[in-house]
Amino acid sequence: MTRTTLIICCVSLFWACTKPASTNQIVLARVGSTELTLDEARKRIPEFSFQKDSTEAYNQYREQWIEKQLILQEAERLKLLGIPEVQHKIKQMRQQVIINSFQELVMNDSQNSNIVSAEEARVYYQENKNKFLLNERHIKFRHLIAHSLEDAEAAKSDLMRAKTWEYVVNKYGLFPELKLRESDRFYSEVNALKEYRVLNRYLRQMGITEISLIEKYGNQYHFVQLIEEKAEGEHPELDWLIPQIQEWLTLEKKRRAYNSYLKNLYLAGQANNEIVVYDVLPKGTPNAIEIDTLNLN
């Protein structure tokens, strides 16, 4: 491992948790005096990782954690924190963490009325309807994952006999709540189950209500059924757009509130004579640096 790699690892891991665990917690691993508990791992593993294989998710995180702890120990042995270059990078990262936290605090201030209602989003959509056109085909589909081939075949048979999707996925499928939610929204055909290449190809080629062949991935059995499509150039469903418009407009409100806060900080700094700009650049220098006025315009 090169010195540069160690420096990068040390800086990126500077805020890693290294406190020994309480003795009444389940310990997954220990490196030196630092322990990884089950509770800590559960908090740090993304929720979607548990949907496929929770044991594998814990194993992968444990291996990554062990590697990080070994790097931290080696970095300490090499006294990397005493290197000026590393100290400078840590200082820069600390400042950036503070700035990011400040921005988050201001933008999420409960005193600011930043929440956009569904009605506001509908009005915005009606006033800007021509901006909301699909730039590619979108599809709505059902995706069943079963423990066994027998369950997958039975589920497929029940769907062909007009049994409801809710009945079928609850009786035969894994992750029924997730699959019910997924089947109620549109996806671009490029991103629809792109992690399952064969299933994605089925969805691109199938007709409405058609059910694919059953495919095996690992120890699970999958099939898909196409239930609706929207062509490129069509308007998406309004109910689908409303949450996205609300999110976008809310973010815009928060950004304006943040910029207004910064403007007030800048004006207060000027009024208190806290900002001093030294005119040391040669006149007419092509590459003279412009002063950042914190988006005052």
Protein backbone atom coordinates (compact mmCIF):
# COMPACT_ATOMS: atom_id res chain seq x y z
CA MET A 1 0.00 0.00 0.00
CA THR A 2 1.47 3.38 -1.01
CA ARG A 3 1.80 6.33 1.32
CA THR A 4 -0.75 8.32 -0.73
CA THR A 5 -3.30 5.52 -0.40
CA LEU A 6 -2.75 5.36 3.35
CA ILE A 7 -3.19 9.14 3.65
CA ILE A 8 -6.48 9.01 1.76
CA CYS A 9 -7.72 6.11 3.86
CA CYS A 10 -6.69 7.83 7.06
CA VAL A 11 -8.48 11.06 6.17
CA SER A 12 -11.66 9.34 4.97
CA LEU A 13 -11.81 7.20 8.10
CA PHE A 14 -10.91 9.93 10.61
CA TRP A 15 -14.43 10.06 12.04
CA ALA A 16 -14.94 6.29 12.10
CA CYS A 17 -16.35 4.90 15.32
CA THR A 18 -13.57 3.35 17.41
CA LYS A 19 -15.15 3.21 20.87
CA PRO A 20 -15.13 -0.22 22.54
CA ALA A 21 -18.58 -1.80 22.73
CA SER A 22 -20.64 -2.35 25.86
CA THR A 23 -20.28 -5.85 27.24
CA ASN A 24 -24.04 -6.53 27.08
CA GLN A 25 -24.22 -6.17 23.29
CA ILE A 26 -23.75 -8.85 20.64
CA VAL A 27 -20.27 -8.46 19.16
CA LEU A 28 -19.71 -9.33 15.48
CA ALA A 29 -15.97 -8.66 15.34
CA ARG A 30 -13.07 -7.15 17.23
CA VAL A 31 -9.86 -5.59 15.95
CA GLY A 32 -7.49 -4.75 18.77
CA SER A 33 -9.59 -3.06 21.48
CA THR A 34 -12.30 -1.88 19.05
CA GLU A 35 -15.48 -3.93 18.67
CA LEU A 36 -18.28 -3.98 16.11
CA THR A 37 -21.69 -4.71 17.62
CA LEU A 38 -24.76 -6.07 15.94
CA ASP A 39 -26.69 -2.89 16.77
CA GLU A 40 -24.04 -0.65 15.21
CA ALA A 41 -23.93 -2.75 12.04
CA ARG A 42 -27.72 -2.73 11.77
CA LYS A 43 -27.77 1.07 11.97
CA ARG A 44 -25.13 1.51 9.28
CA ILE A 45 -26.24 -1.09 6.71
CA PRO A 46 -28.65 0.32 4.09
CA GLU A 47 -32.17 -1.08 4.40
CA PHE A 48 -32.25 -2.40 0.83
CA SER A 49 -29.27 -4.66 1.59
CA PHE A 50 -31.43 -6.66 4.01
CA GLN A 51 -34.10 -7.35 1.40
CA LYS A 52 -32.01 -9.86 -0.52
CA ASP A 53 -29.98 -11.64 2.16
CA SER A 54 -29.61 -10.21 5.66
CA THR A 55 -26.85 -12.65 6.64
CA GLU A 56 -24.79 -11.72 3.59
CA ALA A 57 -25.38 -8.02 4.32
CA TYR A 58 -23.95 -8.42 7.83
CA ASN A 59 -21.01 -10.50 6.56
CA GLN A 60 -20.09 -7.93 3.90
CA TYR A 61 -20.31 -5.02 6.32
CA ARG A 62 -18.23 -6.90 8.92
CA GLU A 63 -15.45 -7.57 6.39
CA GLN A 64 -15.45 -3.91 5.31
CA TRP A 65 -15.36 -2.78 8.95
CA ILE A 66 -12.41 -5.08 9.74
CA GLU A 67 -10.49 -3.72 6.76
CA LYS A 68 -11.12 -0.13 7.87
CA GLN A 69 -9.96 -0.85 11.42
CA LEU A 70 -6.78 -2.49 10.16
CA ILE A 71 -6.07 0.57 8.00
CA LEU A 72 -6.68 2.87 10.96
CA GLN A 73 -4.31 0.86 13.14
CA GLU A 74 -1.64 0.87 10.45
CA ALA A 75 -2.11 4.60 9.90
CA GLU A 76 -1.62 5.17 13.63
CA ARG A 77 1.51 3.00 13.63
CA LEU A 78 2.91 5.06 10.74
CA LYS A 79 1.98 8.27 12.62
CA LEU A 80 0.11 9.63 9.61
CA LEU A 81 -1.83 12.10 11.74
CA GLY A 82 1.45 13.91 12.40
CA ILE A 83 2.09 14.54 8.70
CA PRO A 84 1.29 18.20 7.79
CA GLU A 85 -0.39 17.16 4.53
CA VAL A 86 -2.77 14.85 6.40
CA GLN A 87 -3.48 17.47 9.07
CA HIS A 88 -4.31 19.98 6.33
CA LYS A 89 -6.73 17.55 4.68
CA ILE A 90 -8.40 16.75 8.00
CA LYS A 91 -8.81 20.48 8.68
CA GLN A 92 -10.40 20.95 5.26
CA MET A 93 -12.75 18.01 5.80
CA ARG A 94 -13.72 19.27 9.26
CA GLN A 95 -14.58 22.67 7.83
CA GLN A 96 -16.65 21.08 5.07
CA VAL A 97 -18.56 18.93 7.58
CA ILE A 98 -19.37 22.07 9.60
CA ILE A 99 -20.49 23.94 6.47
CA ASN A 100 -22.66 21.05 5.31
CA SER A 101 -24.21 20.73 8.78
CA PHE A 102 -24.88 24.47 8.86
CA GLN A 103 -26.54 24.35 5.45
CA GLU A 104 -28.71 21.42 6.52
CA LEU A 105 -29.68 23.20 9.75
CA VAL A 106 -30.73 26.39 7.95
CA MET A 107 -32.56 24.64 5.11
CA ASN A 108 -34.50 22.43 7.54
CA ASP A 109 -35.32 25.17 10.03
CA SER A 110 -38.88 24.46 11.20
CA GLN A 111 -39.53 28.20 11.44
CA ASN A 112 -39.28 28.51 7.66
CA SER A 113 -42.45 27.64 5.77
CA ASN A 114 -40.79 25.44 3.17
CA ILE A 115 -43.33 22.63 2.86
CA VAL A 116 -45.13 22.53 -0.50
CA SER A 117 -48.67 21.14 -0.46
CA ALA A 118 -50.06 18.71 -3.01
CA GLU A 119 -52.40 21.46 -4.26
CA GLU A 120 -49.43 23.80 -4.89
CA ALA A 121 -47.76 21.01 -6.85
CA ARG A 122 -50.90 20.47 -8.97
CA VAL A 123 -51.10 24.18 -9.78
CA TYR A 124 -47.43 24.20 -10.77
CA TYR A 125 -48.01 21.16 -12.99
CA GLN A 126 -50.97 22.75 -14.77
CA GLU A 127 -49.01 25.96 -15.37
CA ASN A 128 -45.97 24.06 -16.70
CA LYS A 129 -47.60 20.98 -18.20
CA ASN A 130 -45.59 21.08 -21.43
CA LYS A 131 -42.39 20.66 -19.41
CA PHE A 132 -43.53 17.30 -18.12
CA LEU A 133 -43.17 14.91 -21.04
CA LEU A 134 -41.58 11.49 -20.90
CA ASN A 135 -38.25 11.35 -22.71
CA GLU A 136 -38.39 7.55 -22.92
CA ARG A 137 -40.83 4.67 -22.58
CA HIS A 138 -42.00 3.99 -19.03
CA ILE A 139 -43.58 0.79 -17.77
CA LYS A 140 -45.52 -0.54 -14.81
CA PHE A 141 -44.95 -4.19 -13.98
CA ARG A 142 -45.20 -6.93 -11.39
CA HIS A 143 -42.12 -8.76 -10.14
CA LEU A 144 -42.51 -11.95 -8.14
CA ILE A 145 -39.68 -13.60 -6.20
CA ALA A 146 -40.37 -17.08 -4.83
CA HIS A 147 -38.49 -19.52 -2.59
CA SER A 148 -39.07 -22.45 -4.92
CA LEU A 149 -39.85 -23.24 -8.53
CA GLU A 150 -43.15 -24.82 -7.41
CA ASP A 151 -44.25 -21.56 -5.74
CA ALA A 152 -43.26 -19.52 -8.80
CA GLU A 153 -45.19 -21.83 -11.13
CA ALA A 154 -48.24 -21.77 -8.85
CA ALA A 155 -48.11 -17.96 -8.66
CA LYS A 156 -47.88 -17.69 -12.42
CA SER A 157 -50.79 -20.09 -12.84
CA ASP A 158 -52.98 -18.11 -10.41
CA LEU A 159 -52.25 -14.86 -12.23
CA MET A 160 -53.27 -16.46 -15.52
CA ARG A 161 -56.53 -17.54 -13.81
CA ALA A 162 -57.21 -13.87 -12.93
CA LYS A 163 -56.30 -14.08 -9.25
CA THR A 164 -55.42 -10.65 -7.88
CA TRP A 165 -51.79 -9.61 -7.62
CA GLU A 166 -52.23 -8.88 -3.91
CA TYR A 167 -53.47 -12.43 -3.32
CA VAL A 168 -50.70 -14.00 -5.40
CA VAL A 169 -47.77 -12.03 -4.00
CA ASN A 170 -48.91 -12.55 -0.41
CA LYS A 171 -49.39 -16.28 -0.90
CA TYR A 172 -46.30 -17.17 -2.93
CA GLY A 173 -43.91 -14.22 -3.00
CA LEU A 174 -41.04 -12.88 -0.93
CA PHE A 175 -41.14 -9.25 0.25
CA PRO A 176 -44.88 -8.85 -0.55
CA GLU A 177 -45.23 -5.30 0.80
CA LEU A 178 -42.26 -4.09 -1.24
CA LYS A 179 -43.48 -5.82 -4.40
CA LEU A 180 -46.96 -4.38 -4.01
CA ARG A 181 -45.51 -0.86 -3.73
CA GLU A 182 -43.21 -1.37 -6.70
CA SER A 183 -46.06 -2.61 -8.90
CA ASP A 184 -47.98 0.62 -8.31
CA ARG A 185 -45.54 2.98 -10.01
CA PHE A 186 -43.89 3.52 -13.40
CA TYR A 187 -40.21 2.96 -14.16
CA SER A 188 -38.18 3.88 -17.22
CA GLU A 189 -37.64 0.71 -19.18
CA VAL A 190 -33.88 1.26 -18.94
CA ASN A 191 -33.95 1.18 -15.13
CA ALA A 192 -36.68 -1.42 -14.66
CA LEU A 193 -34.98 -4.30 -12.80
CA LYS A 194 -31.69 -3.44 -14.47
CA GLU A 195 -29.90 -5.59 -11.87
CA TYR A 196 -31.69 -8.58 -13.46
CA ARG A 197 -30.57 -8.36 -17.08
CA VAL A 198 -32.81 -11.14 -18.42
CA LEU A 199 -35.92 -9.81 -16.65
CA ASN A 200 -35.20 -6.33 -17.99
CA ARG A 201 -35.01 -7.75 -21.50
CA TYR A 202 -38.38 -9.49 -21.02
CA LEU A 203 -39.97 -6.21 -19.93
CA ARG A 204 -38.66 -4.42 -23.01
CA GLN A 205 -40.11 -7.05 -25.36
CA MET A 206 -43.34 -8.23 -23.70
CA GLY A 207 -46.87 -7.10 -24.42
CA ILE A 208 -49.39 -5.83 -21.86
CA THR A 209 -50.50 -8.55 -19.35
CA GLU A 210 -47.91 -10.98 -20.74
CA ILE A 211 -45.98 -13.01 -18.14
CA SER A 212 -42.32 -13.92 -18.63
CA LEU A 213 -40.60 -17.24 -18.23
CA ILE A 214 -39.39 -18.11 -14.73
CA GLU A 215 -35.73 -17.31 -14.18
CA LYS A 216 -33.49 -18.52 -11.35
CA TYR A 217 -31.15 -16.08 -9.56
CA GLY A 218 -29.18 -17.68 -6.76
CA ASN A 219 -31.65 -19.72 -4.71
CA GLN A 220 -34.70 -17.71 -5.75
CA TYR A 221 -37.12 -17.85 -8.68
CA HIS A 222 -38.35 -14.76 -10.51
CA PHE A 223 -40.83 -13.74 -13.17
CA VAL A 224 -42.35 -10.45 -14.32
CA GLN A 225 -45.65 -9.36 -15.80
CA LEU A 226 -46.06 -6.15 -17.80
CA ILE A 227 -49.27 -4.34 -16.83
CA GLU A 228 -49.07 -0.81 -18.32
CA GLU A 229 -46.87 1.39 -20.46
CA LYS A 230 -46.46 5.03 -21.47
CA ALA A 231 -44.67 5.95 -24.66
CA GLU A 232 -42.00 8.60 -25.10
CA GLY A 233 -43.60 12.05 -25.44
CA GLU A 234 -46.66 11.24 -23.33
CA HIS A 235 -47.57 13.00 -20.10
CA PRO A 236 -46.84 10.91 -17.01
CA GLU A 237 -49.58 10.28 -14.48
CA LEU A 238 -50.21 13.31 -12.28
CA ASP A 239 -50.41 11.22 -9.08
CA TRP A 240 -46.95 9.90 -9.91
CA LEU A 241 -45.57 13.40 -10.45
CA ILE A 242 -47.09 15.18 -7.44
CA PRO A 243 -44.61 13.84 -4.84
CA GLN A 244 -41.68 14.62 -7.15
CA ILE A 245 -42.93 18.15 -7.83
CA GLN A 246 -43.49 18.70 -4.10
CA GLU A 247 -39.95 17.53 -3.37
CA TRP A 248 -38.45 19.74 -6.08
CA LEU A 249 -40.42 22.87 -5.11
CA THR A 250 -39.67 22.30 -1.42
CA LEU A 251 -35.95 22.07 -2.22
CA GLU A 252 -36.18 25.31 -4.23
CA LYS A 253 -37.82 27.05 -1.26
CA LYS A 254 -35.09 25.77 1.04
CA ARG A 255 -32.37 26.96 -1.33
CA ARG A 256 -33.91 30.44 -1.48
CA ALA A 257 -34.15 30.53 2.32
CA TYR A 258 -30.50 29.47 2.59
CA ASN A 259 -29.31 32.09 0.07
CA SER A 260 -31.33 34.74 1.91
CA TYR A 261 -29.67 33.70 5.19
CA LEU A 262 -26.22 33.96 3.58
CA LYS A 263 -27.04 37.36 2.14
CA ASN A 264 -28.01 38.63 5.59
CA LEU A 265 -24.76 37.21 7.03
CA TYR A 266 -22.76 39.00 4.36
CA LEU A 267 -24.56 42.32 4.87
CA ALA A 268 -24.15 42.01 8.65
CA GLY A 269 -20.45 41.31 8.18
CA GLN A 270 -20.10 44.43 6.04
CA ALA A 271 -22.05 46.56 8.51
CA ASN A 272 -19.83 45.38 11.38
CA ASN A 273 -16.65 45.94 9.37
CA GLU A 274 -15.79 42.25 9.68
CA ILE A 275 -15.09 41.83 5.95
CA VAL A 276 -11.92 43.33 4.56
CA VAL A 277 -11.01 43.00 0.88
CA TYR A 278 -7.45 43.97 -0.03
CA ASP A 279 -6.93 45.45 -3.48
CA VAL A 280 -3.63 43.72 -4.19
CA LEU A 281 -4.28 42.36 -7.68
CA PRO A 282 -2.71 44.19 -10.66
CA LYS A 283 -5.24 46.21 -12.64
CA GLY A 284 -6.45 44.55 -15.79
CA THR A 285 -5.12 41.11 -14.90
CA PRO A 286 -7.02 38.69 -17.20
CA ASN A 287 -7.09 35.92 -14.60
CA ALA A 288 -7.94 38.05 -11.57
CA ILE A 289 -10.04 36.15 -9.09
CA GLU A 290 -13.61 37.46 -8.66
CA ILE A 291 -14.78 37.88 -5.07
CA ASP A 292 -17.54 35.43 -4.13
CA THR A 293 -20.44 37.54 -2.90
CA LEU A 294 -22.40 34.55 -1.63
CA ASN A 295 -25.00 34.62 -4.40
CA LEU A 296 -26.04 38.19 -3.61
CA ASN A 297 -27.34 38.56 -7.14
